[in-house]
């Protein structure tokens, strides 16, 4: 921008209002015409009825009843399953690092074997339990491979 000269400047100008495309209400008219006419034999859409007021005491009692329906114990069981799976995966990660460096700590193997043999709690989400079954199977396979390799080295 080039400054043309010095003089009394004009004050700030207000931008002119531009006409928005929706000012004529065409979209609203089109939408209401679509809603009023049944399309493909469907019944016209009706407005939803207003919801009645909820009593504070009724809502509180409903929340408490839902909490007593056994939801928290299943959440707690799922949390325990998830924690167990994470612990197993952490041990597997340590095992992987040990394989890469060529040194697997025997105490880690013993901890991993003990963790797999511990009985896990029942309950919780069946999908989490199925995933934990797969993790435990993988741990057992890795332990079997390592003990087989260690036995072969001892006898060689």
N, C-alpha and C. Protein backbone atom coordinates (compact mmCIF):
# COMPACT_ATOMS: atom_id res chain seq x y z
N UNK A 1 0.84 -1.17 0.00
CA UNK A 1 0.00 0.00 0.00
C UNK A 1 0.89 1.23 0.00
N UNK A 2 0.53 2.17 -0.85
CA UNK A 2 1.33 3.38 -0.99
C UNK A 2 0.64 4.53 -0.28
N UNK A 3 1.40 5.30 0.47
CA UNK A 3 0.86 6.47 1.15
C UNK A 3 0.93 7.63 0.17
N UNK A 4 -0.22 8.26 -0.14
CA UNK A 4 -0.27 9.30 -1.16
C UNK A 4 0.12 10.67 -0.67
N UNK A 5 -0.11 11.00 0.50
CA UNK A 5 0.23 12.34 0.97
C UNK A 5 -0.24 12.52 2.39
N UNK A 6 0.07 13.68 2.90
CA UNK A 6 -0.31 13.97 4.27
C UNK A 6 -1.55 14.84 4.21
N UNK A 7 -2.47 14.56 4.99
CA UNK A 7 -3.68 15.35 5.03
C UNK A 7 -4.56 14.83 6.14
N UNK A 8 -5.69 15.44 6.24
CA UNK A 8 -6.59 14.96 7.29
C UNK A 8 -7.17 13.63 6.83
N UNK A 9 -6.96 12.68 7.65
CA UNK A 9 -7.44 11.36 7.30
C UNK A 9 -8.91 11.19 7.61
N UNK A 10 -9.44 10.22 7.03
CA UNK A 10 -10.83 9.92 7.32
C UNK A 10 -10.87 9.08 8.58
N UNK A 11 -11.93 9.17 9.29
CA UNK A 11 -12.10 8.37 10.50
C UNK A 11 -12.29 6.91 10.13
N UNK A 12 -12.33 6.09 11.11
CA UNK A 12 -12.54 4.67 10.81
C UNK A 12 -13.89 4.45 10.15
N UNK A 13 -13.88 3.64 9.16
CA UNK A 13 -15.13 3.34 8.45
C UNK A 13 -15.70 2.04 8.98
N UNK A 14 -16.98 2.00 9.06
CA UNK A 14 -17.66 0.76 9.43
C UNK A 14 -17.86 -0.05 8.16
N UNK A 15 -17.61 -1.32 8.27
CA UNK A 15 -17.82 -2.15 7.08
C UNK A 15 -19.30 -2.21 6.73
N UNK A 16 -19.53 -2.24 5.44
CA UNK A 16 -20.91 -2.34 4.99
C UNK A 16 -21.41 -3.75 5.24
N UNK A 17 -22.66 -3.84 5.64
CA UNK A 17 -23.23 -5.16 5.87
C UNK A 17 -23.48 -5.82 4.53
N UNK A 18 -22.98 -6.99 4.40
CA UNK A 18 -23.23 -7.72 3.17
C UNK A 18 -24.46 -8.59 3.38
N UNK A 19 -25.12 -8.86 2.34
CA UNK A 19 -26.33 -9.67 2.42
C UNK A 19 -25.91 -11.13 2.48
N UNK A 20 -26.35 -11.83 3.52
CA UNK A 20 -26.01 -13.24 3.65
C UNK A 20 -26.93 -14.06 2.76
N UNK A 21 -26.44 -15.20 2.36
CA UNK A 21 -27.20 -16.01 1.42
C UNK A 21 -28.47 -16.56 2.04
N UNK A 22 -28.53 -16.70 3.34
CA UNK A 22 -29.71 -17.29 3.96
C UNK A 22 -30.73 -16.27 4.40
N UNK A 23 -30.55 -14.99 4.05
CA UNK A 23 -31.46 -13.96 4.52
C UNK A 23 -32.85 -14.07 3.93
N UNK A 24 -32.97 -14.61 2.75
CA UNK A 24 -34.29 -14.68 2.14
C UNK A 24 -35.11 -15.84 2.68
N UNK A 25 -34.51 -16.70 3.49
CA UNK A 25 -35.24 -17.80 4.10
C UNK A 25 -35.48 -18.97 3.16
N UNK A 26 -34.75 -19.03 2.05
CA UNK A 26 -34.98 -20.10 1.08
C UNK A 26 -34.65 -21.46 1.67
N UNK A 27 -33.57 -21.52 2.43
CA UNK A 27 -33.19 -22.80 3.02
C UNK A 27 -34.25 -23.26 4.02
N UNK A 28 -34.69 -22.34 4.87
CA UNK A 28 -35.70 -22.68 5.86
C UNK A 28 -37.00 -23.11 5.20
N UNK A 29 -37.39 -22.42 4.13
CA UNK A 29 -38.62 -22.79 3.42
C UNK A 29 -38.49 -24.16 2.80
N UNK A 30 -37.33 -24.43 2.20
CA UNK A 30 -37.10 -25.73 1.56
C UNK A 30 -37.10 -26.85 2.60
N UNK A 31 -36.47 -26.59 3.72
CA UNK A 31 -36.43 -27.59 4.78
C UNK A 31 -37.81 -27.88 5.33
N UNK A 32 -38.59 -26.84 5.57
CA UNK A 32 -39.93 -27.08 6.10
C UNK A 32 -40.82 -27.76 5.08
N UNK A 33 -40.61 -27.47 3.79
CA UNK A 33 -41.42 -28.16 2.78
C UNK A 33 -41.05 -29.63 2.71
N UNK A 34 -39.78 -29.95 2.92
CA UNK A 34 -39.37 -31.35 2.92
C UNK A 34 -39.90 -32.09 4.14
N UNK A 35 -39.96 -31.41 5.26
CA UNK A 35 -40.44 -32.05 6.48
C UNK A 35 -41.95 -32.22 6.47
N UNK A 36 -42.67 -31.33 5.79
CA UNK A 36 -44.13 -31.43 5.76
C UNK A 36 -44.63 -32.48 4.79
N UNK A 37 -43.90 -32.74 3.74
CA UNK A 37 -44.34 -33.72 2.76
C UNK A 37 -43.70 -35.07 3.05
N UNK A 38 -44.52 -36.12 3.12
CA UNK A 38 -43.96 -37.45 3.34
C UNK A 38 -43.18 -37.90 2.12
N UNK A 39 -41.99 -38.39 2.34
CA UNK A 39 -41.14 -38.88 1.24
C UNK A 39 -41.17 -40.39 1.22
N UNK A 40 -41.48 -40.96 0.10
CA UNK A 40 -41.46 -42.41 -0.04
C UNK A 40 -42.48 -43.12 0.83
N UNK A 41 -43.61 -42.48 1.09
CA UNK A 41 -44.66 -43.13 1.86
C UNK A 41 -44.44 -43.09 3.36
N UNK A 42 -43.43 -42.37 3.81
CA UNK A 42 -43.18 -42.30 5.24
C UNK A 42 -44.12 -41.28 5.87
N UNK A 43 -44.40 -41.47 7.13
CA UNK A 43 -45.25 -40.53 7.85
C UNK A 43 -44.44 -39.27 8.13
N UNK A 44 -45.11 -38.12 8.20
CA UNK A 44 -44.38 -36.90 8.48
C UNK A 44 -43.77 -36.93 9.88
N UNK A 45 -42.69 -36.21 10.03
CA UNK A 45 -41.99 -36.18 11.31
C UNK A 45 -42.76 -35.30 12.27
N UNK A 46 -42.98 -35.82 13.46
CA UNK A 46 -43.70 -35.06 14.47
C UNK A 46 -42.71 -34.50 15.48
N UNK A 47 -43.09 -33.40 16.09
CA UNK A 47 -42.23 -32.80 17.09
C UNK A 47 -42.24 -33.66 18.34
N UNK A 48 -41.13 -33.65 19.03
CA UNK A 48 -41.03 -34.41 20.28
C UNK A 48 -41.77 -33.67 21.38
N UNK A 49 -42.36 -34.43 22.25
CA UNK A 49 -43.06 -33.83 23.38
C UNK A 49 -42.03 -33.32 24.38
N UNK A 50 -42.41 -32.31 25.12
CA UNK A 50 -41.50 -31.77 26.12
C UNK A 50 -41.31 -32.77 27.25
N UNK A 51 -40.11 -32.81 27.77
CA UNK A 51 -39.84 -33.69 28.90
C UNK A 51 -40.35 -33.04 30.16
N UNK A 52 -40.90 -33.86 31.03
CA UNK A 52 -41.40 -33.35 32.30
C UNK A 52 -40.25 -33.10 33.26
N UNK A 53 -40.48 -32.32 34.27
CA UNK A 53 -39.41 -32.06 35.23
C UNK A 53 -39.07 -33.31 36.02
N UNK A 54 -37.79 -33.46 36.31
CA UNK A 54 -37.33 -34.61 37.07
C UNK A 54 -37.10 -34.15 38.50
N UNK A 55 -37.66 -34.89 39.40
CA UNK A 55 -37.48 -34.57 40.80
C UNK A 55 -36.04 -34.89 41.19
N UNK A 56 -35.42 -34.04 41.96
CA UNK A 56 -34.04 -34.26 42.39
C UNK A 56 -33.90 -35.53 43.19
N UNK A 57 -34.86 -35.81 44.04
CA UNK A 57 -34.80 -37.01 44.86
C UNK A 57 -34.97 -38.27 44.00
N UNK A 58 -35.89 -38.22 43.04
CA UNK A 58 -36.09 -39.37 42.16
C UNK A 58 -34.82 -39.66 41.35
N UNK A 59 -34.18 -38.61 40.86
CA UNK A 59 -32.95 -38.80 40.08
C UNK A 59 -31.85 -39.38 40.94
N UNK A 60 -31.72 -38.90 42.16
CA UNK A 60 -30.70 -39.40 43.07
C UNK A 60 -30.93 -40.87 43.40
N UNK A 61 -32.18 -41.24 43.64
CA UNK A 61 -32.50 -42.64 43.93
C UNK A 61 -32.24 -43.53 42.72
N UNK A 62 -32.51 -43.03 41.53
CA UNK A 62 -32.26 -43.81 40.32
C UNK A 62 -30.77 -44.05 40.12
N UNK A 63 -29.95 -43.04 40.39
CA UNK A 63 -28.50 -43.20 40.26
C UNK A 63 -27.98 -44.19 41.28
N UNK A 64 -28.48 -44.11 42.51
CA UNK A 64 -28.05 -45.05 43.55
C UNK A 64 -28.46 -46.47 43.21
N UNK A 65 -29.66 -46.65 42.68
CA UNK A 65 -30.12 -47.99 42.32
C UNK A 65 -29.28 -48.56 41.18
N UNK A 66 -28.91 -47.72 40.23
CA UNK A 66 -28.06 -48.20 39.14
C UNK A 66 -26.69 -48.59 39.65
N UNK A 67 -26.18 -47.86 40.64
CA UNK A 67 -24.89 -48.19 41.22
C UNK A 67 -24.92 -49.49 42.00
N UNK A 68 -26.06 -49.85 42.56
CA UNK A 68 -26.18 -51.07 43.35
C UNK A 68 -26.48 -52.29 42.49
N UNK A 69 -26.69 -52.08 41.21
CA UNK A 69 -27.07 -53.18 40.32
C UNK A 69 -25.89 -54.05 39.92
N UNK A 70 -24.75 -53.85 40.52
CA UNK A 70 -23.61 -54.71 40.21
C UNK A 70 -22.64 -54.10 39.22
N UNK A 71 -22.82 -52.85 38.86
CA UNK A 71 -21.94 -52.22 37.89
C UNK A 71 -20.53 -52.00 38.42
N UNK A 72 -20.34 -51.43 39.62
CA UNK A 72 -18.98 -51.21 40.10
C UNK A 72 -18.16 -52.49 40.27
N UNK A 73 -18.71 -53.60 40.79
CA UNK A 73 -17.87 -54.79 40.88
C UNK A 73 -17.38 -55.27 39.52
N UNK A 74 -18.23 -55.20 38.49
CA UNK A 74 -17.77 -55.65 37.18
C UNK A 74 -16.71 -54.69 36.63
N UNK A 75 -16.84 -53.41 36.96
CA UNK A 75 -15.82 -52.46 36.56
C UNK A 75 -14.51 -52.75 37.28
N UNK A 76 -14.63 -53.08 38.55
CA UNK A 76 -13.44 -53.40 39.34
C UNK A 76 -12.78 -54.67 38.81
N UNK A 77 -13.59 -55.67 38.46
CA UNK A 77 -13.04 -56.91 37.90
C UNK A 77 -12.36 -56.64 36.56
N UNK A 78 -12.98 -55.81 35.74
CA UNK A 78 -12.36 -55.45 34.46
C UNK A 78 -11.06 -54.70 34.68
N UNK A 79 -11.04 -53.83 35.67
CA UNK A 79 -9.81 -53.08 35.98
C UNK A 79 -8.70 -54.02 36.41
N UNK A 80 -9.04 -55.04 37.22
CA UNK A 80 -8.03 -56.01 37.65
C UNK A 80 -7.50 -56.80 36.45
N UNK A 81 -8.40 -57.18 35.53
CA UNK A 81 -7.96 -57.91 34.34
C UNK A 81 -7.03 -57.05 33.49
N UNK A 82 -7.38 -55.79 33.34
CA UNK A 82 -6.54 -54.88 32.55
C UNK A 82 -5.17 -54.72 33.21
N UNK A 83 -5.16 -54.55 34.53
CA UNK A 83 -3.88 -54.42 35.25
C UNK A 83 -3.02 -55.66 35.07
N UNK A 84 -3.65 -56.83 35.14
CA UNK A 84 -2.91 -58.08 34.96
C UNK A 84 -2.32 -58.16 33.55
N UNK A 85 -3.13 -57.81 32.55
CA UNK A 85 -2.65 -57.82 31.17
C UNK A 85 -1.50 -56.86 30.96
N UNK A 86 -1.61 -55.67 31.55
CA UNK A 86 -0.52 -54.69 31.41
C UNK A 86 0.76 -55.19 32.07
N UNK A 87 0.63 -55.84 33.22
CA UNK A 87 1.81 -56.38 33.90
C UNK A 87 2.47 -57.46 33.05
N UNK A 88 1.66 -58.33 32.47
CA UNK A 88 2.21 -59.39 31.61
C UNK A 88 2.91 -58.80 30.39
N UNK A 89 2.29 -57.79 29.79
CA UNK A 89 2.90 -57.16 28.62
C UNK A 89 4.20 -56.45 28.99
N UNK A 90 4.25 -55.85 30.18
CA UNK A 90 5.50 -55.22 30.63
C UNK A 90 6.61 -56.25 30.78
N UNK A 91 6.26 -57.42 31.35
CA UNK A 91 7.26 -58.48 31.50
C UNK A 91 7.71 -59.00 30.13
N UNK A 92 6.77 -59.12 29.19
CA UNK A 92 7.15 -59.55 27.84
C UNK A 92 8.08 -58.53 27.18
N UNK A 93 7.83 -57.26 27.41
CA UNK A 93 8.69 -56.22 26.84
C UNK A 93 10.10 -56.32 27.42
N UNK A 94 10.20 -56.57 28.72
CA UNK A 94 11.51 -56.76 29.35
C UNK A 94 12.20 -57.98 28.77
N UNK A 95 11.43 -59.02 28.54
CA UNK A 95 11.97 -60.24 27.94
C UNK A 95 12.50 -59.96 26.53
N UNK A 96 11.77 -59.17 25.78
CA UNK A 96 12.20 -58.81 24.42
C UNK A 96 13.51 -58.03 24.45
N UNK A 97 13.59 -57.08 25.37
CA UNK A 97 14.84 -56.31 25.50
C UNK A 97 16.00 -57.22 25.90
N UNK A 98 15.71 -58.18 26.77
CA UNK A 98 16.74 -59.13 27.17
C UNK A 98 17.22 -59.98 26.01
N UNK A 99 16.29 -60.39 25.15
CA UNK A 99 16.67 -61.17 23.97
C UNK A 99 17.53 -60.34 23.02
N UNK A 100 17.20 -59.07 22.89
CA UNK A 100 17.97 -58.21 21.99
C UNK A 100 19.36 -57.92 22.52
N UNK A 101 19.49 -57.80 23.83
CA UNK A 101 20.80 -57.51 24.41
C UNK A 101 21.58 -58.78 24.71
N UNK A 102 20.92 -59.92 24.70
CA UNK A 102 21.59 -61.18 24.94
C UNK A 102 21.66 -61.58 26.40
N UNK A 103 20.98 -60.87 27.26
CA UNK A 103 21.00 -61.19 28.69
C UNK A 103 19.58 -61.10 29.25
N UNK A 104 19.05 -62.26 29.61
CA UNK A 104 17.72 -62.31 30.19
C UNK A 104 17.86 -62.60 31.68
N UNK A 105 17.44 -61.67 32.54
CA UNK A 105 17.56 -61.91 33.97
C UNK A 105 16.69 -63.09 34.41
N UNK A 106 17.28 -64.01 35.15
CA UNK A 106 16.53 -65.19 35.60
C UNK A 106 15.39 -64.82 36.53
N UNK A 107 15.58 -63.77 37.33
CA UNK A 107 14.50 -63.37 38.24
C UNK A 107 13.30 -62.85 37.47
N UNK A 108 13.53 -62.24 36.32
CA UNK A 108 12.41 -61.80 35.47
C UNK A 108 11.64 -62.99 34.93
N UNK A 109 12.36 -64.02 34.52
CA UNK A 109 11.69 -65.24 34.04
C UNK A 109 10.87 -65.87 35.16
N UNK A 110 11.43 -65.91 36.36
CA UNK A 110 10.71 -66.49 37.49
C UNK A 110 9.47 -65.66 37.83
N UNK A 111 9.61 -64.33 37.80
CA UNK A 111 8.46 -63.46 38.06
C UNK A 111 7.37 -63.66 37.02
N UNK A 112 7.78 -63.77 35.78
CA UNK A 112 6.82 -63.95 34.69
C UNK A 112 6.11 -65.28 34.81
N UNK A 113 6.85 -66.34 35.12
CA UNK A 113 6.24 -67.66 35.28
C UNK A 113 5.26 -67.66 36.45
N UNK A 114 5.63 -67.00 37.55
CA UNK A 114 4.75 -66.94 38.71
C UNK A 114 3.49 -66.13 38.39
N UNK A 115 3.65 -65.05 37.67
CA UNK A 115 2.51 -64.21 37.32
C UNK A 115 1.52 -64.95 36.43
N UNK A 116 2.03 -65.75 35.51
CA UNK A 116 1.14 -66.50 34.62
C UNK A 116 0.40 -67.60 35.39
N UNK A 117 1.07 -68.20 36.36
CA UNK A 117 0.45 -69.30 37.09
C UNK A 117 -0.54 -68.84 38.15
N UNK A 118 -0.50 -67.57 38.51
CA UNK A 118 -1.47 -67.06 39.48
C UNK A 118 -2.86 -67.12 38.87
N UNK A 119 -3.79 -67.49 39.70
CA UNK A 119 -5.17 -67.56 39.22
C UNK A 119 -5.74 -66.15 39.17
N UNK A 120 -6.31 -65.81 38.03
CA UNK A 120 -6.90 -64.48 37.91
C UNK A 120 -8.35 -64.54 38.37
N UNK A 121 -8.86 -63.41 38.76
CA UNK A 121 -10.24 -63.32 39.23
C UNK A 121 -11.23 -63.47 38.10
N UNK A 122 -12.39 -63.96 38.43
CA UNK A 122 -13.45 -64.11 37.44
C UNK A 122 -14.22 -62.80 37.33
N UNK A 123 -15.01 -62.72 36.30
CA UNK A 123 -15.85 -61.54 36.11
C UNK A 123 -15.20 -60.55 35.18
N UNK A 124 -15.85 -59.42 35.07
CA UNK A 124 -15.33 -58.39 34.18
C UNK A 124 -15.86 -58.56 32.77
N UNK A 125 -15.35 -57.76 31.91
CA UNK A 125 -15.76 -57.77 30.51
C UNK A 125 -15.22 -59.02 29.82
N UNK A 126 -16.07 -59.78 29.13
CA UNK A 126 -15.60 -60.99 28.46
C UNK A 126 -14.59 -60.70 27.34
N UNK A 127 -14.67 -59.53 26.73
CA UNK A 127 -13.70 -59.18 25.69
C UNK A 127 -12.32 -58.96 26.29
N UNK A 128 -12.28 -58.36 27.48
CA UNK A 128 -11.00 -58.16 28.16
C UNK A 128 -10.44 -59.51 28.58
N UNK A 129 -11.32 -60.40 29.07
CA UNK A 129 -10.87 -61.73 29.48
C UNK A 129 -10.30 -62.50 28.29
N UNK A 130 -10.94 -62.39 27.13
CA UNK A 130 -10.44 -63.08 25.93
C UNK A 130 -9.08 -62.53 25.51
N UNK A 131 -8.92 -61.23 25.60
CA UNK A 131 -7.63 -60.62 25.27
C UNK A 131 -6.56 -61.06 26.25
N UNK A 132 -6.91 -61.14 27.51
CA UNK A 132 -5.96 -61.60 28.52
C UNK A 132 -5.59 -63.06 28.29
N UNK A 133 -6.54 -63.88 27.83
CA UNK A 133 -6.23 -65.27 27.48
C UNK A 133 -5.14 -65.33 26.41
N UNK A 134 -5.26 -64.46 25.41
CA UNK A 134 -4.26 -64.44 24.34
C UNK A 134 -2.90 -63.99 24.86
N UNK A 135 -2.89 -63.00 25.75
CA UNK A 135 -1.62 -62.53 26.31
C UNK A 135 -0.97 -63.63 27.12
N UNK A 136 -1.77 -64.31 27.96
CA UNK A 136 -1.22 -65.39 28.79
C UNK A 136 -0.68 -66.53 27.93
N UNK A 137 -1.39 -66.85 26.85
CA UNK A 137 -0.90 -67.89 25.94
C UNK A 137 0.44 -67.48 25.33
N UNK A 138 0.55 -66.23 24.93
CA UNK A 138 1.81 -65.75 24.35
C UNK A 138 2.95 -65.83 25.36
N UNK A 139 2.66 -65.48 26.60
CA UNK A 139 3.68 -65.55 27.65
C UNK A 139 4.11 -67.00 27.86
N UNK A 140 3.15 -67.92 27.90
CA UNK A 140 3.49 -69.33 28.10
C UNK A 140 4.33 -69.86 26.95
N UNK A 141 4.02 -69.45 25.73
CA UNK A 141 4.81 -69.88 24.57
C UNK A 141 6.24 -69.35 24.67
N UNK A 142 6.38 -68.08 25.02
CA UNK A 142 7.72 -67.50 25.14
C UNK A 142 8.51 -68.17 26.26
N UNK A 143 7.87 -68.44 27.38
CA UNK A 143 8.55 -69.12 28.48
C UNK A 143 8.98 -70.52 28.07
N UNK A 144 8.12 -71.24 27.35
CA UNK A 144 8.47 -72.59 26.90
C UNK A 144 9.66 -72.55 25.94
N UNK A 145 9.67 -71.57 25.04
CA UNK A 145 10.79 -71.46 24.11
C UNK A 145 12.09 -71.16 24.84
N UNK A 146 12.02 -70.28 25.82
CA UNK A 146 13.24 -69.91 26.55
C UNK A 146 13.74 -71.06 27.42
N UNK A 147 12.85 -71.75 28.11
CA UNK A 147 13.30 -72.87 28.95
C UNK A 147 13.84 -74.00 28.08
N UNK A 148 13.26 -74.20 26.93
CA UNK A 148 13.77 -75.22 26.01
C UNK A 148 15.18 -74.85 25.54
N UNK A 149 15.38 -73.58 25.23
CA UNK A 149 16.69 -73.10 24.79
C UNK A 149 17.71 -73.22 25.92
N UNK A 150 17.30 -72.89 27.15
CA UNK A 150 18.21 -73.01 28.29
C UNK A 150 18.57 -74.46 28.57
N UNK A 151 17.59 -75.36 28.46
CA UNK A 151 17.87 -76.79 28.66
C UNK A 151 18.82 -77.32 27.60
N UNK A 152 18.65 -76.86 26.37
CA UNK A 152 19.51 -77.31 25.29
C UNK A 152 20.95 -76.83 25.51
N UNK A 153 21.10 -75.62 26.03
CA UNK A 153 22.44 -75.08 26.30
C UNK A 153 23.11 -75.83 27.45
N UNK A 154 22.32 -76.23 28.45
CA UNK A 154 22.89 -76.96 29.59
C UNK A 154 23.40 -78.33 29.16
N UNK A 155 22.69 -78.99 28.27
CA UNK A 155 23.06 -80.34 27.84
C UNK A 155 24.08 -80.35 26.71
N UNK A 156 24.38 -79.22 26.17
CA UNK A 156 25.33 -79.17 25.05
C UNK A 156 26.76 -79.06 25.51
